[in-house]
Amino acid sequence: MREHLTGQFTPGTSILHRLDARAKFFGFLILIAATVCTDAWLGYALLLAVTAAVVAVCGLPLRTALASVARMGWFFLLIFVMNALFFATDDAIWHWWILTLSVPGIVQGAQVTVRLALILVMSNVLTCTTPPLEITGAIQTLLSPLRLVRLPVEDIAMILSVAVQFIPTLLEETDTIRKAQIARGARFESRRLHERAQAMLPLIVPIFLSAFKRADELAMAMEARGYRGARPHPKKVRSPAPERLGRACAVRHRVRSGNTPVNPKSERNRSPMQTMSTVKKSIITAVCIALCYVLPLLFHGIQGAGQIFCPMHIPVFLCGLVCGWQFGLLCGLAGPALSSALCGMPPVSILPSMMIELAVYGLIAGIMMRCVRTRHVYADLYISLIVAIVAGRVVNGLVNALIFARGSYSMATWVAGSVVKSWPGTVIQLVFIPSIVFALMKARLIPERYPKEVPADD
């Protein structure tokens, strides 16, 4: 018998199944906020009791409700061990070589593990008791005020809904790839920063290839079922059958004879990256938003890894380069917000400035990729990346100096945080992002930017 997929909707007649999707979604957000804000064991005990009660009420088998947590057992163990044995502190319980066991490290590892496990169980219960279309409708209701500024709320709700449902799948894929790297000798437990970084970096390209492959499969399935976007389309008046048949025969004759009219100016100015359908761009954006949550978890055990390696920046840059500035902007705003809501990272104190910084990354990367046409893919990618990196760092410094940290933010602080401390992340972005784009093109998961012209038959 086929194994039940994590997060797949399971029909039922329980109270939770019959409850309005909007009420379930808002309740889910409240529980997530409580999980992130709790730092006392009594609070965790109450949340565990509430979660157990919800699982009992919904009528799901315990194996189904805990499926995502069970499959991620080794991943949870890795997070706990990395926090417990490599937490820098002066009051160590036990120390040997590079291992330092301390009470703060054990507490932090346990808190991170419990938070992530509770959130996975809650999200699994939500997706198992609510059809995907109803989840999308609930998110659409939450975003409905954005209609006042004429934003496509329906499309944004669909992207966020798909992103949330992709998270358990991508976590499982990441855990599988990590195990394969351990079998090849990767040292994830090393205390030396460069050794742990060397172990983490080979995970990046396979994770993106696997994620984009899943996005491609889902987009093809949605398009094959007639999905063309969440917005209503105007009803077309069908022509009489003889007229349609005549037009079809004419088009067929033009294609066979090679006389199909082409506008050279439009073909010359159109970017091949824009030949992807809106549906595929939306699904890729959803995957990139989910990766903004998954990738930082790999570096969670390294103190200060977020500012040093900047793992959340990579999906945003890729989304802007591949899908365009609109989707890059959405990924930059939604990625850190979703990660902060689910695991508390980045902290709420720096979330607004980080959202603005990442939004600028996605926006500028998409605009530059559309405007820069050197006929060399590497040149286009590097020009777009460098300009986007500089623009994002400058905007981040400006909003901190003028709004969020006014009076206490200086040029020295900006240089230390955005240039000196984050230079490894900048190098990783410049090295890996073009490689990922080329790997995606080679795997035919995205169109080639400058496709080779096929000579016409004589």
Protein backbone atom coordinates (compact mmCIF):
# COMPACT_ATOMS: atom_id res chain seq x y z
CA MET A 1 0.00 0.00 0.00
CA ARG A 2 1.25 3.46 -0.82
CA GLU A 3 2.61 5.42 2.11
CA HIS A 4 0.69 8.52 3.12
CA LEU A 5 2.45 11.64 1.94
CA THR A 6 3.38 14.25 4.52
CA GLY A 7 0.90 17.11 4.55
CA GLN A 8 -1.52 15.45 2.13
CA PHE A 9 -5.19 16.25 2.74
CA THR A 10 -7.01 13.39 4.47
CA PRO A 11 -10.84 13.52 4.21
CA GLY A 12 -12.68 13.19 7.51
CA THR A 13 -15.75 14.16 9.51
CA SER A 14 -14.15 15.52 12.68
CA ILE A 15 -14.89 18.93 14.10
CA LEU A 16 -11.54 20.20 12.84
CA HIS A 17 -12.29 18.96 9.32
CA ARG A 18 -15.64 20.80 9.31
CA LEU A 19 -14.28 23.99 10.86
CA ASP A 20 -13.95 27.02 8.59
CA ALA A 21 -10.51 27.18 6.99
CA ARG A 22 -10.07 30.83 7.97
CA ALA A 23 -10.62 30.03 11.65
CA LYS A 24 -8.15 27.13 11.46
CA PHE A 25 -5.56 29.26 9.71
CA PHE A 26 -5.80 32.13 12.20
CA GLY A 27 -5.64 29.64 15.09
CA PHE A 28 -2.55 28.12 13.47
CA LEU A 29 -0.92 31.57 13.32
CA ILE A 30 -1.72 32.18 17.00
CA LEU A 31 -0.16 28.85 18.01
CA ILE A 32 2.92 29.57 15.90
CA ALA A 33 3.33 32.99 17.53
CA ALA A 34 2.97 31.44 20.99
CA THR A 35 5.57 28.77 20.13
CA VAL A 36 8.08 31.34 18.89
CA CYS A 37 7.60 33.70 21.82
CA THR A 38 7.70 31.04 24.55
CA ASP A 39 11.01 30.53 26.36
CA ALA A 40 9.77 28.79 29.54
CA TRP A 41 9.30 25.05 29.90
CA LEU A 42 5.83 25.55 31.37
CA GLY A 43 4.82 27.32 28.16
CA TYR A 44 6.20 24.44 26.09
CA ALA A 45 4.26 21.96 28.23
CA LEU A 46 1.01 23.89 27.67
CA LEU A 47 1.65 24.07 23.91
CA LEU A 48 2.39 20.35 23.84
CA ALA A 49 -0.90 19.67 25.62
CA VAL A 50 -2.81 21.90 23.20
CA THR A 51 -1.15 20.20 20.22
CA ALA A 52 -1.98 16.74 21.59
CA ALA A 53 -5.60 17.80 22.11
CA VAL A 54 -5.83 19.12 18.55
CA VAL A 55 -4.40 15.85 17.16
CA ALA A 56 -6.92 13.87 19.21
CA VAL A 57 -9.86 16.01 18.06
CA CYS A 58 -8.98 15.88 14.36
CA GLY A 59 -9.05 12.07 14.38
CA LEU A 60 -5.78 11.64 12.49
CA PRO A 61 -3.69 8.55 13.28
CA LEU A 62 -0.76 9.43 15.51
CA ARG A 63 1.63 8.09 12.86
CA THR A 64 0.18 10.49 10.28
CA ALA A 65 0.26 13.50 12.61
CA LEU A 66 3.89 12.84 13.58
CA ALA A 67 5.05 11.73 10.12
CA SER A 68 7.06 14.87 9.36
CA VAL A 69 8.76 14.79 12.78
CA ALA A 70 9.57 11.05 12.53
CA ARG A 71 11.15 11.43 9.11
CA MET A 72 13.27 14.31 10.37
CA GLY A 73 14.56 12.48 13.46
CA TRP A 74 18.23 12.57 12.45
CA PHE A 75 17.91 16.22 11.46
CA PHE A 76 16.52 17.10 14.92
CA LEU A 77 19.33 15.13 16.54
CA LEU A 78 21.91 17.00 14.47
CA ILE A 79 20.46 20.40 15.49
CA PHE A 80 20.41 19.41 19.16
CA VAL A 81 23.99 18.04 19.13
CA MET A 82 25.40 21.06 17.28
CA ASN A 83 23.83 23.43 19.82
CA ALA A 84 24.67 21.32 22.88
CA LEU A 85 28.31 20.56 22.05
CA PHE A 86 29.41 23.66 20.16
CA PHE A 87 27.76 26.48 22.10
CA ALA A 88 30.42 29.01 23.10
CA THR A 89 30.26 29.64 26.83
CA ASP A 90 32.60 30.01 29.81
CA ASP A 91 30.74 27.75 32.29
CA ALA A 92 31.17 24.40 30.54
CA ILE A 93 30.06 21.16 32.20
CA TRP A 94 32.47 19.03 30.20
CA HIS A 95 35.17 19.89 27.70
CA TRP A 96 37.28 17.69 25.48
CA TRP A 97 39.15 18.73 22.34
CA ILE A 98 36.61 20.66 20.24
CA LEU A 99 33.57 19.50 22.26
CA THR A 100 32.10 21.75 24.95
CA LEU A 101 29.00 20.56 26.77
CA SER A 102 27.18 23.36 28.59
CA VAL A 103 23.78 23.99 30.13
CA PRO A 104 23.01 27.00 27.86
CA GLY A 105 23.87 24.89 24.83
CA ILE A 106 21.62 22.03 25.96
CA VAL A 107 18.77 24.45 26.69
CA GLN A 108 19.12 26.19 23.33
CA GLY A 109 19.29 22.88 21.45
CA ALA A 110 16.22 21.56 23.25
CA GLN A 111 14.26 24.77 22.65
CA VAL A 112 15.07 24.85 18.93
CA THR A 113 14.18 21.17 18.54
CA VAL A 114 10.89 21.43 20.48
CA ARG A 115 9.84 24.57 18.61
CA LEU A 116 10.53 23.06 15.22
CA ALA A 117 8.79 19.78 16.13
CA LEU A 118 5.65 21.56 17.42
CA ILE A 119 5.47 23.78 14.34
CA LEU A 120 5.84 20.80 11.99
CA VAL A 121 3.08 18.89 13.79
CA MET A 122 0.76 21.91 13.73
CA SER A 123 1.37 22.57 10.04
CA ASN A 124 0.91 18.88 9.25
CA VAL A 125 -2.44 18.83 11.07
CA LEU A 126 -3.54 21.98 9.25
CA THR A 127 -2.69 20.63 5.78
CA CYS A 128 -4.11 17.15 6.55
CA THR A 129 -7.48 18.54 7.66
CA THR A 130 -7.85 21.40 5.16
CA PRO A 131 -7.98 21.14 1.36
CA PRO A 132 -5.29 23.23 -0.40
CA LEU A 133 -7.87 25.49 -2.05
CA GLU A 134 -9.37 26.36 1.34
CA ILE A 135 -5.91 27.17 2.75
CA THR A 136 -5.35 29.46 -0.22
CA GLY A 137 -8.72 31.10 0.46
CA ALA A 138 -7.78 31.67 4.10
CA ILE A 139 -4.49 33.33 3.13
CA GLN A 140 -6.37 35.37 0.56
CA THR A 141 -8.71 36.62 3.29
CA LEU A 142 -5.72 37.60 5.43
CA LEU A 143 -4.23 39.56 2.52
CA SER A 144 -7.50 41.09 1.33
CA PRO A 145 -6.60 44.65 2.49
CA LEU A 146 -3.87 44.65 -0.19
CA ARG A 147 -6.61 44.86 -2.83
CA LEU A 148 -6.87 48.55 -1.95
CA VAL A 149 -3.49 49.09 -3.61
CA ARG A 150 -4.42 46.83 -6.58
CA LEU A 151 -2.11 43.95 -5.71
CA PRO A 152 -2.92 40.45 -7.08
CA VAL A 153 -4.04 39.02 -3.75
CA GLU A 154 -5.23 35.73 -5.25
CA ASP A 155 -1.87 34.98 -6.85
CA ILE A 156 0.07 35.96 -3.72
CA ALA A 157 -2.18 33.74 -1.59
CA MET A 158 -1.58 30.79 -3.91
CA ILE A 159 2.22 31.31 -3.77
CA LEU A 160 2.28 31.50 0.04
CA SER A 161 0.03 28.46 0.34
CA VAL A 162 2.29 26.39 -1.92
CA ALA A 163 5.38 27.63 -0.02
CA VAL A 164 4.01 26.44 3.33
CA GLN A 165 3.14 23.03 1.87
CA PHE A 166 6.60 22.69 0.31
CA ILE A 167 8.47 23.10 3.63
CA PRO A 168 8.10 19.50 4.98
CA THR A 169 9.03 18.07 1.57
CA LEU A 170 12.14 20.23 1.25
CA LEU A 171 13.19 19.41 4.81
CA GLU A 172 13.04 15.71 3.96
CA GLU A 173 15.01 16.26 0.75
CA THR A 174 17.63 18.25 2.66
CA ASP A 175 17.96 15.53 5.27
CA THR A 176 18.44 12.90 2.55
CA ILE A 177 21.13 14.97 0.81
CA ARG A 178 22.84 15.66 4.14
CA LYS A 179 23.02 11.93 4.93
CA ALA A 180 24.57 11.31 1.52
CA GLN A 181 27.21 13.97 2.21
CA ILE A 182 27.98 12.43 5.63
CA ALA A 183 28.54 9.09 3.88
CA ARG A 184 31.07 10.87 1.67
CA GLY A 185 32.99 12.19 4.69
CA ALA A 186 31.38 15.61 5.34
CA ARG A 187 32.17 16.94 8.84
CA PHE A 188 29.03 18.73 10.02
CA GLU A 189 30.05 18.39 13.69
CA SER A 190 33.45 20.05 13.39
CA ARG A 191 33.98 23.08 15.59
CA ARG A 192 36.18 24.78 13.04
CA LEU A 193 34.14 27.28 11.11
CA HIS A 194 35.77 26.66 7.74
CA GLU A 195 35.37 22.86 8.00
CA ARG A 196 31.68 23.14 8.84
CA ALA A 197 31.21 25.62 6.03
CA GLN A 198 32.95 23.27 3.60
CA ALA A 199 30.55 20.53 4.71
CA MET A 200 27.48 22.76 4.28
CA LEU A 201 28.29 24.28 0.89
CA PRO A 202 28.09 21.04 -1.19
CA LEU A 203 24.45 20.77 -0.06
CA ILE A 204 23.39 24.01 -1.76
CA VAL A 205 23.42 23.06 -5.46
CA PRO A 206 21.71 19.62 -5.03
CA ILE A 207 19.04 21.17 -2.79
CA PHE A 208 18.20 23.81 -5.40
CA LEU A 209 18.18 21.28 -8.25
CA SER A 210 15.83 19.00 -6.32
CA ALA A 211 13.57 21.90 -5.30
CA PHE A 212 13.35 23.33 -8.82
CA LYS A 213 12.63 19.88 -10.23
CA ARG A 214 9.67 19.55 -7.89
CA ALA A 215 8.54 23.06 -8.84
CA ASP A 216 8.73 22.14 -12.53
CA GLU A 217 6.66 18.98 -11.99
CA LEU A 218 4.01 20.84 -10.00
CA ALA A 219 3.79 23.68 -12.53
CA MET A 220 3.38 21.20 -15.41
CA ALA A 221 0.64 19.37 -13.51
CA MET A 222 -1.23 22.61 -12.77
CA GLU A 223 -0.99 23.81 -16.36
CA ALA A 224 -2.09 20.40 -17.67
CA ARG A 225 -5.24 20.77 -15.58
CA GLY A 226 -5.99 24.16 -17.06
CA TYR A 227 -4.71 26.44 -14.27
CA ARG A 228 -3.70 29.80 -15.68
CA GLY A 229 -3.65 31.97 -12.57
CA ALA A 230 -5.96 32.74 -9.69
CA ARG A 231 -7.46 35.85 -11.24
CA PRO A 232 -10.66 35.42 -13.23
CA HIS A 233 -10.27 35.54 -16.97
CA PRO A 234 -12.74 37.19 -19.33
CA LYS A 235 -15.07 34.81 -21.05
CA LYS A 236 -14.22 34.32 -24.70
CA VAL A 237 -16.86 34.08 -27.39
CA ARG A 238 -16.31 30.97 -29.45
CA SER A 239 -16.41 31.35 -33.20
CA PRO A 240 -18.48 29.01 -35.37
CA ALA A 241 -16.87 25.64 -36.09
CA PRO A 242 -16.17 26.21 -39.82
CA GLU A 243 -14.42 29.52 -39.06
CA ARG A 244 -12.25 27.92 -36.34
CA LEU A 245 -11.37 25.05 -38.68
CA GLY A 246 -10.36 27.50 -41.43
CA ARG A 247 -8.10 29.45 -39.07
CA ALA A 248 -6.49 26.25 -37.79
CA CYS A 249 -5.75 25.10 -41.34
CA ALA A 250 -4.25 28.50 -42.19
CA VAL A 251 -1.98 28.47 -39.12
CA ARG A 252 -0.89 24.92 -39.90
CA HIS A 253 -0.02 25.90 -43.46
CA ARG A 254 2.02 28.91 -42.27
CA VAL A 255 3.97 26.84 -39.76
CA ARG A 256 4.79 24.13 -42.30
CA SER A 257 5.81 26.60 -44.98
CA GLY A 258 7.87 28.74 -42.58
CA ASN A 259 5.82 31.86 -43.32
CA THR A 260 4.70 32.51 -39.76
CA PRO A 261 4.97 36.29 -39.20
CA VAL A 262 7.48 37.30 -36.54
CA ASN A 263 8.14 40.71 -35.08
CA PRO A 264 11.98 40.92 -35.03
CA LYS A 265 12.01 43.84 -32.61
CA SER A 266 9.89 42.02 -30.02
CA GLU A 267 11.92 38.82 -30.42
CA ARG A 268 15.18 40.74 -30.01
CA ASN A 269 14.09 42.57 -26.85
CA ARG A 270 12.34 39.68 -25.15
CA SER A 271 14.40 37.94 -22.44
CA PRO A 272 14.38 34.14 -22.69
CA MET A 273 13.97 34.03 -18.92
CA GLN A 274 10.54 35.57 -19.51
CA THR A 275 9.38 32.68 -21.71
CA MET A 276 8.39 30.76 -18.59
CA SER A 277 4.70 30.82 -17.84
CA THR A 278 3.37 32.84 -14.93
CA VAL A 279 2.29 29.60 -13.26
CA LYS A 280 5.84 28.21 -13.29
CA LYS A 281 7.28 31.51 -12.05
CA SER A 282 4.75 31.47 -9.20
CA ILE A 283 5.66 27.92 -8.17
CA ILE A 284 9.41 28.67 -8.35
CA THR A 285 8.78 31.72 -6.15
CA ALA A 286 6.93 29.53 -3.65
CA VAL A 287 9.85 27.10 -3.57
CA CYS A 288 12.34 29.95 -3.03
CA ILE A 289 10.23 31.29 -0.15
CA ALA A 290 10.25 27.82 1.42
CA LEU A 291 14.02 27.60 0.94
CA CYS A 292 14.37 30.89 2.87
CA TYR A 293 13.20 28.81 5.84
CA VAL A 294 15.00 25.53 5.07
CA LEU A 295 18.52 26.75 4.17
CA PRO A 296 19.18 28.76 7.37
CA LEU A 297 18.36 25.66 9.44
CA LEU A 298 21.49 24.01 8.07
CA PHE A 299 23.62 26.79 9.61
CA HIS A 300 21.58 27.16 12.81
CA GLY A 301 24.16 25.45 15.03
CA ILE A 302 26.89 27.94 14.05
CA GLN A 303 26.74 31.11 16.10
CA GLY A 304 26.42 34.19 13.91
CA ALA A 305 26.12 32.06 10.76
CA GLY A 306 23.18 34.12 9.51
CA GLN A 307 25.28 37.30 9.27
CA ILE A 308 28.42 35.47 8.09
CA PHE A 309 27.08 33.12 5.39
CA CYS A 310 23.74 34.87 4.57
CA PRO A 311 21.98 31.62 3.49
CA MET A 312 18.59 33.31 3.18
CA HIS A 313 19.88 35.68 0.50
CA ILE A 314 20.56 32.94 -2.07
CA PRO A 315 16.91 31.95 -2.80
CA VAL A 316 15.92 35.62 -3.07
CA PHE A 317 18.66 36.39 -5.60
CA LEU A 318 17.78 33.29 -7.62
CA CYS A 319 14.10 34.16 -7.63
CA GLY A 320 14.79 37.67 -8.92
CA LEU A 321 17.27 36.48 -11.57
CA VAL A 322 15.11 33.63 -12.86
CA CYS A 323 11.53 34.86 -12.41
CA GLY A 324 11.77 38.65 -12.61
CA TRP A 325 11.64 41.62 -10.31
CA GLN A 326 7.98 41.22 -9.24
CA PHE A 327 8.55 37.70 -7.97
CA GLY A 328 11.94 38.56 -6.48
CA LEU A 329 10.35 41.42 -4.55
CA LEU A 330 7.65 39.09 -3.17
CA CYS A 331 10.23 36.44 -2.21
CA GLY A 332 12.37 39.04 -0.41
CA LEU A 333 9.39 40.20 1.65
CA ALA A 334 7.74 36.85 2.35
CA GLY A 335 10.84 34.68 2.89
CA PRO A 336 12.19 36.24 6.10
CA ALA A 337 8.66 36.88 7.40
CA LEU A 338 7.73 33.20 7.02
CA SER A 339 11.00 32.05 8.58
CA SER A 340 10.57 34.42 11.52
CA ALA A 341 6.99 33.24 12.05
CA LEU A 342 7.91 29.54 11.99
CA CYS A 343 11.21 29.38 13.88
CA GLY A 344 11.85 32.87 15.27
CA MET A 345 14.80 33.59 12.96
CA PRO A 346 15.45 36.34 12.05
CA PRO A 347 14.35 37.93 15.33
CA VAL A 348 11.48 40.40 15.24
CA SER A 349 13.87 43.21 16.21
CA ILE A 350 15.74 43.01 12.88
CA LEU A 351 12.95 41.55 10.73
CA PRO A 352 11.71 44.84 9.15
CA SER A 353 15.17 45.98 8.00
CA MET A 354 15.99 42.48 6.72
CA MET A 355 12.73 42.29 4.77
CA ILE A 356 13.54 45.62 3.10
CA GLU A 357 17.11 44.52 2.33
CA LEU A 358 16.05 41.20 0.78
CA ALA A 359 13.22 42.85 -1.13
CA VAL A 360 15.76 45.22 -2.71
CA TYR A 361 17.94 42.22 -3.60
CA GLY A 362 15.13 40.50 -5.47
CA LEU A 363 13.87 43.71 -7.05
CA ILE A 364 17.22 44.97 -8.36
CA ALA A 365 18.40 41.50 -9.46
CA GLY A 366 15.27 41.10 -11.57
CA ILE A 367 15.45 44.59 -13.06
CA MET A 368 19.14 44.27 -13.91
CA MET A 369 18.67 40.83 -15.45
CA ARG A 370 15.98 42.31 -17.66
CA CYS A 371 17.99 45.37 -18.71
CA VAL A 372 21.53 43.97 -19.01
CA ARG A 373 22.08 42.16 -22.34
CA THR A 374 25.79 41.50 -22.96
CA ARG A 375 25.19 38.23 -24.88
CA HIS A 376 27.26 36.46 -22.19
CA VAL A 377 25.30 34.76 -19.42
CA TYR A 378 28.08 34.96 -16.83
CA ALA A 379 28.53 38.69 -17.46
CA ASP A 380 24.79 39.30 -17.11
CA LEU A 381 24.62 37.31 -13.88
CA TYR A 382 27.65 38.93 -12.26
CA ILE A 383 26.64 42.47 -13.22
CA SER A 384 23.12 41.89 -11.89
CA LEU A 385 24.36 40.24 -8.70
CA ILE A 386 26.97 42.87 -7.85
CA VAL A 387 24.60 45.78 -8.44
CA ALA A 388 21.86 44.07 -6.39
CA ILE A 389 24.25 43.27 -3.52
CA VAL A 390 25.52 46.85 -3.35
CA ALA A 391 22.00 48.32 -3.59
CA GLY A 392 20.63 46.03 -0.87
CA ARG A 393 23.47 46.75 1.54
CA VAL A 394 23.21 50.52 0.97
CA VAL A 395 19.43 50.52 1.46
CA ASN A 396 19.81 48.41 4.61
CA GLY A 397 22.27 50.94 6.04
CA LEU A 398 19.99 53.86 5.15
CA VAL A 399 16.83 52.41 6.71
CA ASN A 400 18.71 51.48 9.88
CA ALA A 401 20.35 54.91 10.15
CA LEU A 402 17.18 56.88 9.38
CA ILE A 403 14.37 54.72 10.80
CA PHE A 404 15.07 51.57 12.84
CA ALA A 405 18.29 52.53 14.69
CA ARG A 406 18.32 56.27 14.35
CA GLY A 407 21.08 57.91 16.37
CA SER A 408 22.90 54.67 17.21
CA TYR A 409 23.77 53.44 13.72
CA SER A 410 27.02 54.75 12.27
CA MET A 411 29.12 54.21 9.17
CA ALA A 412 31.50 52.00 11.17
CA THR A 413 28.58 49.81 12.27
CA TRP A 414 27.41 49.46 8.66
CA VAL A 415 30.89 48.55 7.40
CA ALA A 416 31.39 46.02 10.19
CA GLY A 417 28.04 44.32 9.68
CA SER A 418 27.42 44.62 5.94
CA VAL A 419 30.96 44.39 4.58
CA VAL A 420 33.50 42.92 7.00
CA LYS A 421 31.40 40.27 8.77
CA SER A 422 29.36 39.19 5.74
CA TRP A 423 32.17 38.89 3.18
CA PRO A 424 32.08 35.04 3.27
CA GLY A 425 28.40 35.17 2.36
CA THR A 426 29.10 37.58 -0.49
CA VAL A 427 31.78 35.24 -1.87
CA ILE A 428 29.40 32.28 -1.59
CA GLN A 429 26.72 34.20 -3.49
CA LEU A 430 29.07 35.22 -6.29
CA VAL A 431 30.43 31.68 -6.64
CA PHE A 432 27.33 29.54 -6.21
CA ILE A 433 24.44 31.53 -7.69
CA PRO A 434 25.80 31.58 -11.29
CA SER A 435 26.66 27.88 -10.92
CA ILE A 436 23.12 27.11 -9.77
CA VAL A 437 21.63 29.07 -12.68
CA PHE A 438 23.81 27.18 -15.18
CA ALA A 439 22.94 23.85 -13.53
CA LEU A 440 19.24 24.68 -13.80
CA MET A 441 19.65 25.58 -17.47
CA LYS A 442 21.58 22.39 -18.17
CA ALA A 443 18.86 20.34 -16.47
CA ARG A 444 16.27 22.19 -18.61
CA LEU A 445 14.42 23.36 -15.51
CA ILE A 446 14.61 26.98 -16.69
CA PRO A 447 15.02 28.29 -20.26
CA GLU A 448 18.42 29.23 -21.60
CA ARG A 449 19.06 32.96 -21.59
CA TYR A 450 20.66 32.94 -25.04
CA PRO A 451 19.41 29.81 -26.79
CA LYS A 452 21.52 28.61 -29.68
CA GLU A 453 19.98 29.29 -33.05
CA VAL A 454 19.13 26.19 -35.03
CA PRO A 455 20.03 26.61 -38.71
CA ALA A 456 17.03 26.46 -41.00
CA ASP A 457 16.77 23.64 -43.53
CA ASP A 458 17.43 24.59 -47.12
